[in-house]
Amino acid sequence: WHAQIATGKNAYYDPRKLAELRERV
């Protein structure tokens, strides 16, 4: 439940920037 709340708060983002982040990680 706590993880779902955090997920919901952090699921609004630019997918292009997430792709760049994932590639770096």
PDB file of all heavy atoms in Angstrom:
ATOM      1  N   TRP A   1       0.830  -1.210   0.000  1.00  0.00           N
ATOM      2  CA  TRP A   1       0.000   0.000   0.000  1.00  0.00           C
ATOM      3  C   TRP A   1       0.861   1.256   0.000  1.00  0.00           C
ATOM      4  O   TRP A   1       0.635   2.180  -0.779  1.00  0.00           O
ATOM      5  CB  TRP A   1      -0.931  -0.025   1.215  1.00  0.00           C
ATOM      6  CG  TRP A   1      -1.788   1.197   1.355  1.00  0.00           C
ATOM      7  CD1 TRP A   1      -2.765   1.618   0.493  1.00  0.00           C
ATOM      8  CD2 TRP A   1      -1.746   2.155   2.415  1.00  0.00           C
ATOM      9  NE1 TRP A   1      -3.340   2.785   0.961  1.00  0.00           N
ATOM     10  CE2 TRP A   1      -2.733   3.134   2.136  1.00  0.00           C
ATOM     11  CE3 TRP A   1      -0.984   2.274   3.573  1.00  0.00           C
ATOM     12  CZ2 TRP A   1      -2.951   4.218   2.980  1.00  0.00           C
ATOM     13  CZ3 TRP A   1      -1.211   3.352   4.416  1.00  0.00           C
ATOM     14  CH2 TRP A   1      -2.192   4.311   4.108  1.00  0.00           C
ATOM     15  N   HIS A   2       1.865   1.291   0.875  1.00  0.00           N
ATOM     16  CA  HIS A   2       2.765   2.451   0.915  1.00  0.00           C
ATOM     17  C   HIS A   2       3.519   2.595  -0.408  1.00  0.00           C
ATOM     18  O   HIS A   2       3.720   3.712  -0.904  1.00  0.00           O
ATOM     19  CB  HIS A   2       3.737   2.320   2.079  1.00  0.00           C
ATOM     20  CG  HIS A   2       3.126   2.571   3.427  1.00  0.00           C
ATOM     21  ND1 HIS A   2       2.753   3.826   3.868  1.00  0.00           N
ATOM     22  CD2 HIS A   2       2.788   1.712   4.426  1.00  0.00           C
ATOM     23  CE1 HIS A   2       2.226   3.742   5.075  1.00  0.00           C
ATOM     24  NE2 HIS A   2       2.240   2.464   5.446  1.00  0.00           N
ATOM     25  N   ALA A   3       3.925   1.457  -0.978  1.00  0.00           N
ATOM     26  CA  ALA A   3       4.648   1.496  -2.251  1.00  0.00           C
ATOM     27  C   ALA A   3       3.749   2.000  -3.377  1.00  0.00           C
ATOM     28  O   ALA A   3       4.194   2.745  -4.260  1.00  0.00           O
ATOM     29  CB  ALA A   3       5.186   0.107  -2.584  1.00  0.00           C
ATOM     30  N   GLN A   4       2.471   1.609  -3.353  1.00  0.00           N
ATOM     31  CA  GLN A   4       1.525   2.094  -4.367  1.00  0.00           C
ATOM     32  C   GLN A   4       1.362   3.610  -4.296  1.00  0.00           C
ATOM     33  O   GLN A   4       1.281   4.279  -5.337  1.00  0.00           O
ATOM     34  CB  GLN A   4       0.169   1.410  -4.183  1.00  0.00           C
ATOM     35  CG  GLN A   4       0.088   0.016  -4.770  1.00  0.00           C
ATOM     36  CD  GLN A   4      -1.319  -0.542  -4.663  1.00  0.00           C
ATOM     37  OE1 GLN A   4      -1.901  -0.600  -3.579  1.00  0.00           O
ATOM     38  NE2 GLN A   4      -1.872  -0.953  -5.787  1.00  0.00           N
ATOM     39  N   ILE A   5       1.289   4.145  -3.088  1.00  0.00           N
ATOM     40  CA  ILE A   5       1.155   5.599  -2.932  1.00  0.00           C
ATOM     41  C   ILE A   5       2.374   6.304  -3.528  1.00  0.00           C
ATOM     42  O   ILE A   5       2.249   7.277  -4.293  1.00  0.00           O
ATOM     43  CB  ILE A   5       0.978   5.962  -1.453  1.00  0.00           C
ATOM     44  CG1 ILE A   5      -0.363   5.443  -0.930  1.00  0.00           C
ATOM     45  CG2 ILE A   5       1.065   7.481  -1.262  1.00  0.00           C
ATOM     46  CD1 ILE A   5      -0.558   5.610   0.562  1.00  0.00           C
ATOM     47  N   ALA A   6       3.563   5.805  -3.212  1.00  0.00           N
ATOM     48  CA  ALA A   6       4.784   6.405  -3.759  1.00  0.00           C
ATOM     49  C   ALA A   6       4.834   6.261  -5.277  1.00  0.00           C
ATOM     50  O   ALA A   6       5.263   7.180  -5.986  1.00  0.00           O
ATOM     51  CB  ALA A   6       6.011   5.753  -3.124  1.00  0.00           C
ATOM     52  N   THR A   7       4.383   5.132  -5.767  1.00  0.00           N
ATOM     53  CA  THR A   7       4.363   4.906  -7.214  1.00  0.00           C
ATOM     54  C   THR A   7       3.456   5.914  -7.900  1.00  0.00           C
ATOM     55  O   THR A   7       3.812   6.498  -8.932  1.00  0.00           O
ATOM     56  CB  THR A   7       3.892   3.476  -7.524  1.00  0.00           C
ATOM     57  OG1 THR A   7       4.737   2.542  -6.862  1.00  0.00           O
ATOM     58  CG2 THR A   7       3.916   3.206  -9.022  1.00  0.00           C
ATOM     59  N   GLY A   8       2.261   6.108  -7.339  1.00  0.00           N
ATOM     60  CA  GLY A   8       1.309   7.049  -7.919  1.00  0.00           C
ATOM     61  C   GLY A   8       1.836   8.467  -7.958  1.00  0.00           C
ATOM     62  O   GLY A   8       1.623   9.201  -8.938  1.00  0.00           O
ATOM     63  N   LYS A   9       2.545   8.867  -6.909  1.00  0.00           N
ATOM     64  CA  LYS A   9       3.094  10.221  -6.841  1.00  0.00           C
ATOM     65  C   LYS A   9       4.189  10.437  -7.878  1.00  0.00           C
ATOM     66  O   LYS A   9       4.452  11.578  -8.280  1.00  0.00           O
ATOM     67  CB  LYS A   9       3.665  10.490  -5.440  1.00  0.00           C
ATOM     68  CG  LYS A   9       2.624  10.655  -4.355  1.00  0.00           C
ATOM     69  CD  LYS A   9       3.273  10.742  -2.991  1.00  0.00           C
ATOM     70  CE  LYS A   9       4.268  11.899  -2.897  1.00  0.00           C
ATOM     71  NZ  LYS A   9       4.882  11.985  -1.543  1.00  0.00           N
ATOM     72  N   ASN A  10       4.835   9.350  -8.313  1.00  0.00           N
ATOM     73  CA  ASN A  10       6.020   9.477  -9.159  1.00  0.00           C
ATOM     74  C   ASN A  10       5.847   8.812 -10.526  1.00  0.00           C
ATOM     75  O   ASN A  10       6.810   8.310 -11.111  1.00  0.00           O
ATOM     76  CB  ASN A  10       7.226   8.889  -8.431  1.00  0.00           C
ATOM     77  CG  ASN A  10       7.586   9.694  -7.204  1.00  0.00           C
ATOM     78  OD1 ASN A  10       8.117  10.794  -7.302  1.00  0.00           O
ATOM     79  ND2 ASN A  10       7.270   9.158  -6.031  1.00  0.00           N
ATOM     80  N   ALA A  11       4.618   8.842 -11.037  1.00  0.00           N
ATOM     81  CA  ALA A  11       4.338   8.260 -12.355  1.00  0.00           C
ATOM     82  C   ALA A  11       3.899   9.328 -13.346  1.00  0.00           C
ATOM     83  O   ALA A  11       3.125   9.063 -14.265  1.00  0.00           O
ATOM     84  CB  ALA A  11       3.265   7.176 -12.237  1.00  0.00           C
ATOM     85  N   TYR A  12       4.398  10.542 -13.164  1.00  0.00           N
ATOM     86  CA  TYR A  12       4.097  11.645 -14.073  1.00  0.00           C
ATOM     87  C   TYR A  12       5.436  12.252 -14.467  1.00  0.00           C
ATOM     88  O   TYR A  12       6.064  12.977 -13.686  1.00  0.00           O
ATOM     89  CB  TYR A  12       3.200  12.673 -13.373  1.00  0.00           C
ATOM     90  CG  TYR A  12       2.660  13.766 -14.270  1.00  0.00           C
ATOM     91  CD1 TYR A  12       2.015  13.464 -15.460  1.00  0.00           C
ATOM     92  CD2 TYR A  12       2.791  15.105 -13.906  1.00  0.00           C
ATOM     93  CE1 TYR A  12       1.498  14.470 -16.269  1.00  0.00           C
ATOM     94  CE2 TYR A  12       2.272  16.116 -14.704  1.00  0.00           C
ATOM     95  CZ  TYR A  12       1.632  15.789 -15.888  1.00  0.00           C
ATOM     96  OH  TYR A  12       1.129  16.788 -16.693  1.00  0.00           O
ATOM     97  N   TYR A  13       5.902  11.901 -15.676  1.00  0.00           N
ATOM     98  CA  TYR A  13       7.266  12.233 -16.065  1.00  0.00           C
ATOM     99  C   TYR A  13       7.380  12.208 -17.593  1.00  0.00           C
ATOM    100  O   TYR A  13       6.521  11.658 -18.295  1.00  0.00           O
ATOM    101  CB  TYR A  13       8.247  11.218 -15.467  1.00  0.00           C
ATOM    102  CG  TYR A  13       7.880   9.783 -15.791  1.00  0.00           C
ATOM    103  CD1 TYR A  13       8.291   9.191 -16.987  1.00  0.00           C
ATOM    104  CD2 TYR A  13       7.092   9.023 -14.934  1.00  0.00           C
ATOM    105  CE1 TYR A  13       7.934   7.888 -17.311  1.00  0.00           C
ATOM    106  CE2 TYR A  13       6.732   7.726 -15.243  1.00  0.00           C
ATOM    107  CZ  TYR A  13       7.147   7.164 -16.427  1.00  0.00           C
ATOM    108  OH  TYR A  13       6.773   5.887 -16.746  1.00  0.00           O
ATOM    109  N   ASP A  14       8.458  12.783 -18.093  1.00  0.00           N
ATOM    110  CA  ASP A  14       8.764  12.762 -19.516  1.00  0.00           C
ATOM    111  C   ASP A  14       9.458  11.440 -19.835  1.00  0.00           C
ATOM    112  O   ASP A  14      10.586  11.208 -19.371  1.00  0.00           O
ATOM    113  CB  ASP A  14       9.675  13.939 -19.866  1.00  0.00           C
ATOM    114  CG  ASP A  14       9.941  14.066 -21.358  1.00  0.00           C
ATOM    115  OD1 ASP A  14       9.838  13.052 -22.078  1.00  0.00           O
ATOM    116  OD2 ASP A  14      10.267  15.184 -21.809  1.00  0.00           O
ATOM    117  N   PRO A  15       8.838  10.535 -20.603  1.00  0.00           N
ATOM    118  CA  PRO A  15       9.440   9.220 -20.866  1.00  0.00           C
ATOM    119  C   PRO A  15      10.802   9.301 -21.553  1.00  0.00           C
ATOM    120  O   PRO A  15      11.627   8.398 -21.398  1.00  0.00           O
ATOM    121  CB  PRO A  15       8.413   8.533 -21.773  1.00  0.00           C
ATOM    122  CG  PRO A  15       7.133   9.218 -21.488  1.00  0.00           C
ATOM    123  CD  PRO A  15       7.497  10.650 -21.208  1.00  0.00           C
ATOM    124  N   ARG A  16      11.047  10.360 -22.306  1.00  0.00           N
ATOM    125  CA  ARG A  16      12.350  10.500 -22.954  1.00  0.00           C
ATOM    126  C   ARG A  16      13.454  10.679 -21.916  1.00  0.00           C
ATOM    127  O   ARG A  16      14.549  10.106 -22.052  1.00  0.00           O
ATOM    128  CB  ARG A  16      12.318  11.695 -23.913  1.00  0.00           C
ATOM    129  CG  ARG A  16      11.371  11.521 -25.090  1.00  0.00           C
ATOM    130  CD  ARG A  16      11.129  12.841 -25.801  1.00  0.00           C
ATOM    131  NE  ARG A  16      10.393  13.784 -24.949  1.00  0.00           N
ATOM    132  CZ  ARG A  16      10.019  14.997 -25.344  1.00  0.00           C
ATOM    133  NH1 ARG A  16      10.312  15.410 -26.572  1.00  0.00           N
ATOM    134  NH2 ARG A  16       9.349  15.795 -24.524  1.00  0.00           N
ATOM    135  N   LYS A  17      13.171  11.451 -20.877  1.00  0.00           N
ATOM    136  CA  LYS A  17      14.169  11.660 -19.825  1.00  0.00           C
ATOM    137  C   LYS A  17      14.359  10.396 -18.989  1.00  0.00           C
ATOM    138  O   LYS A  17      15.464  10.109 -18.524  1.00  0.00           O
ATOM    139  CB  LYS A  17      13.760  12.838 -18.955  1.00  0.00           C
ATOM    140  CG  LYS A  17      13.807  14.166 -19.710  1.00  0.00           C
ATOM    141  CD  LYS A  17      13.459  15.341 -18.810  1.00  0.00           C
ATOM    142  CE  LYS A  17      13.552  16.659 -19.583  1.00  0.00           C
ATOM    143  NZ  LYS A  17      13.214  17.824 -18.737  1.00  0.00           N
ATOM    144  N   LEU A  18      13.269   9.633 -18.785  1.00  0.00           N
ATOM    145  CA  LEU A  18      13.407   8.374 -18.059  1.00  0.00           C
ATOM    146  C   LEU A  18      14.276   7.404 -18.854  1.00  0.00           C
ATOM    147  O   LEU A  18      15.106   6.691 -18.282  1.00  0.00           O
ATOM    148  CB  LEU A  18      12.035   7.751 -17.790  1.00  0.00           C
ATOM    149  CG  LEU A  18      12.069   6.386 -17.103  1.00  0.00           C
ATOM    150  CD1 LEU A  18      12.753   6.468 -15.742  1.00  0.00           C
ATOM    151  CD2 LEU A  18      10.653   5.819 -16.956  1.00  0.00           C
ATOM    152  N   ALA A  19      14.103   7.366 -20.169  1.00  0.00           N
ATOM    153  CA  ALA A  19      14.923   6.480 -20.997  1.00  0.00           C
ATOM    154  C   ALA A  19      16.399   6.840 -20.885  1.00  0.00           C
ATOM    155  O   ALA A  19      17.271   5.955 -20.807  1.00  0.00           O
ATOM    156  CB  ALA A  19      14.464   6.556 -22.454  1.00  0.00           C
ATOM    157  N   GLU A  20      16.699   8.132 -20.852  1.00  0.00           N
ATOM    158  CA  GLU A  20      18.089   8.581 -20.698  1.00  0.00           C
ATOM    159  C   GLU A  20      18.639   8.168 -19.333  1.00  0.00           C
ATOM    160  O   GLU A  20      19.789   7.709 -19.223  1.00  0.00           O
ATOM    161  CB  GLU A  20      18.168  10.095 -20.859  1.00  0.00           C
ATOM    162  CG  GLU A  20      17.842  10.586 -22.275  1.00  0.00           C
ATOM    163  CD  GLU A  20      17.695  12.098 -22.337  1.00  0.00           C
ATOM    164  OE1 GLU A  20      17.820  12.760 -21.267  1.00  0.00           O
ATOM    165  OE2 GLU A  20      17.446  12.624 -23.440  1.00  0.00           O
ATOM    166  N   LEU A  21      17.807   8.321 -18.293  1.00  0.00           N
ATOM    167  CA  LEU A  21      18.218   7.930 -16.949  1.00  0.00           C
ATOM    168  C   LEU A  21      18.496   6.436 -16.882  1.00  0.00           C
ATOM    169  O   LEU A  21      19.520   5.999 -16.334  1.00  0.00           O
ATOM    170  CB  LEU A  21      17.124   8.305 -15.948  1.00  0.00           C
ATOM    171  CG  LEU A  21      17.264   7.746 -14.531  1.00  0.00           C
ATOM    172  CD1 LEU A  21      18.515   8.305 -13.858  1.00  0.00           C
ATOM    173  CD2 LEU A  21      16.021   8.044 -13.705  1.00  0.00           C
ATOM    174  N   ARG A  22      17.596   5.640 -17.433  1.00  0.00           N
ATOM    175  CA  ARG A  22      17.762   4.188 -17.383  1.00  0.00           C
ATOM    176  C   ARG A  22      19.037   3.765 -18.117  1.00  0.00           C
ATOM    177  O   ARG A  22      19.784   2.907 -17.621  1.00  0.00           O
ATOM    178  CB  ARG A  22      16.549   3.499 -17.987  1.00  0.00           C
ATOM    179  CG  ARG A  22      16.656   1.990 -18.016  1.00  0.00           C
ATOM    180  CD  ARG A  22      15.379   1.340 -18.464  1.00  0.00           C
ATOM    181  NE  ARG A  22      15.534  -0.086 -18.604  1.00  0.00           N
ATOM    182  CZ  ARG A  22      14.548  -0.913 -18.934  1.00  0.00           C
ATOM    183  NH1 ARG A  22      13.329  -0.421 -19.136  1.00  0.00           N
ATOM    184  NH2 ARG A  22      14.772  -2.199 -19.043  1.00  0.00           N
ATOM    185  N   GLU A  23      19.306   4.367 -19.266  1.00  0.00           N
ATOM    186  CA  GLU A  23      20.519   4.032 -20.014  1.00  0.00           C
ATOM    187  C   GLU A  23      21.762   4.342 -19.183  1.00  0.00           C
ATOM    188  O   GLU A  23      22.715   3.557 -19.141  1.00  0.00           O
ATOM    189  CB  GLU A  23      20.540   4.819 -21.324  1.00  0.00           C
ATOM    190  CG  GLU A  23      21.727   4.493 -22.212  1.00  0.00           C
ATOM    191  CD  GLU A  23      21.699   5.255 -23.529  1.00  0.00           C
ATOM    192  OE1 GLU A  23      20.760   6.048 -23.740  1.00  0.00           O
ATOM    193  OE2 GLU A  23      22.622   5.060 -24.345  1.00  0.00           O
ATOM    194  N   ARG A  24      21.754   5.473 -18.497  1.00  0.00           N
ATOM    195  CA  ARG A  24      22.898   5.838 -17.658  1.00  0.00           C
ATOM    196  C   ARG A  24      23.084   4.858 -16.503  1.00  0.00           C
ATOM    197  O   ARG A  24      24.212   4.421 -16.215  1.00  0.00           O
ATOM    198  CB  ARG A  24      22.729   7.263 -17.128  1.00  0.00           C
ATOM    199  CG  ARG A  24      23.825   7.682 -16.157  1.00  0.00           C
ATOM    200  CD  ARG A  24      23.724   9.142 -15.772  1.00  0.00           C
ATOM    201  NE  ARG A  24      22.491   9.472 -15.069  1.00  0.00           N
ATOM    202  CZ  ARG A  24      22.275   9.233 -13.783  1.00  0.00           C
ATOM    203  NH1 ARG A  24      23.199   8.603 -13.056  1.00  0.00           N
ATOM    204  NH2 ARG A  24      21.137   9.597 -13.216  1.00  0.00           N
ATOM    205  N   VAL A  25      21.970   4.512 -15.840  1.00  0.00           N
ATOM    206  CA  VAL A  25      22.046   3.591 -14.701  1.00  0.00           C
ATOM    207  C   VAL A  25      22.550   2.220 -15.145  1.00  0.00           C
ATOM    208  O   VAL A  25      23.381   1.590 -14.464  1.00  0.00           O
ATOM    209  CB  VAL A  25      20.676   3.480 -14.004  1.00  0.00           C
ATOM    210  CG1 VAL A  25      20.680   2.335 -12.993  1.00  0.00           C
ATOM    211  CG2 VAL A  25      20.318   4.781 -13.314  1.00  0.00           C
TER     212      VAL A  25
END
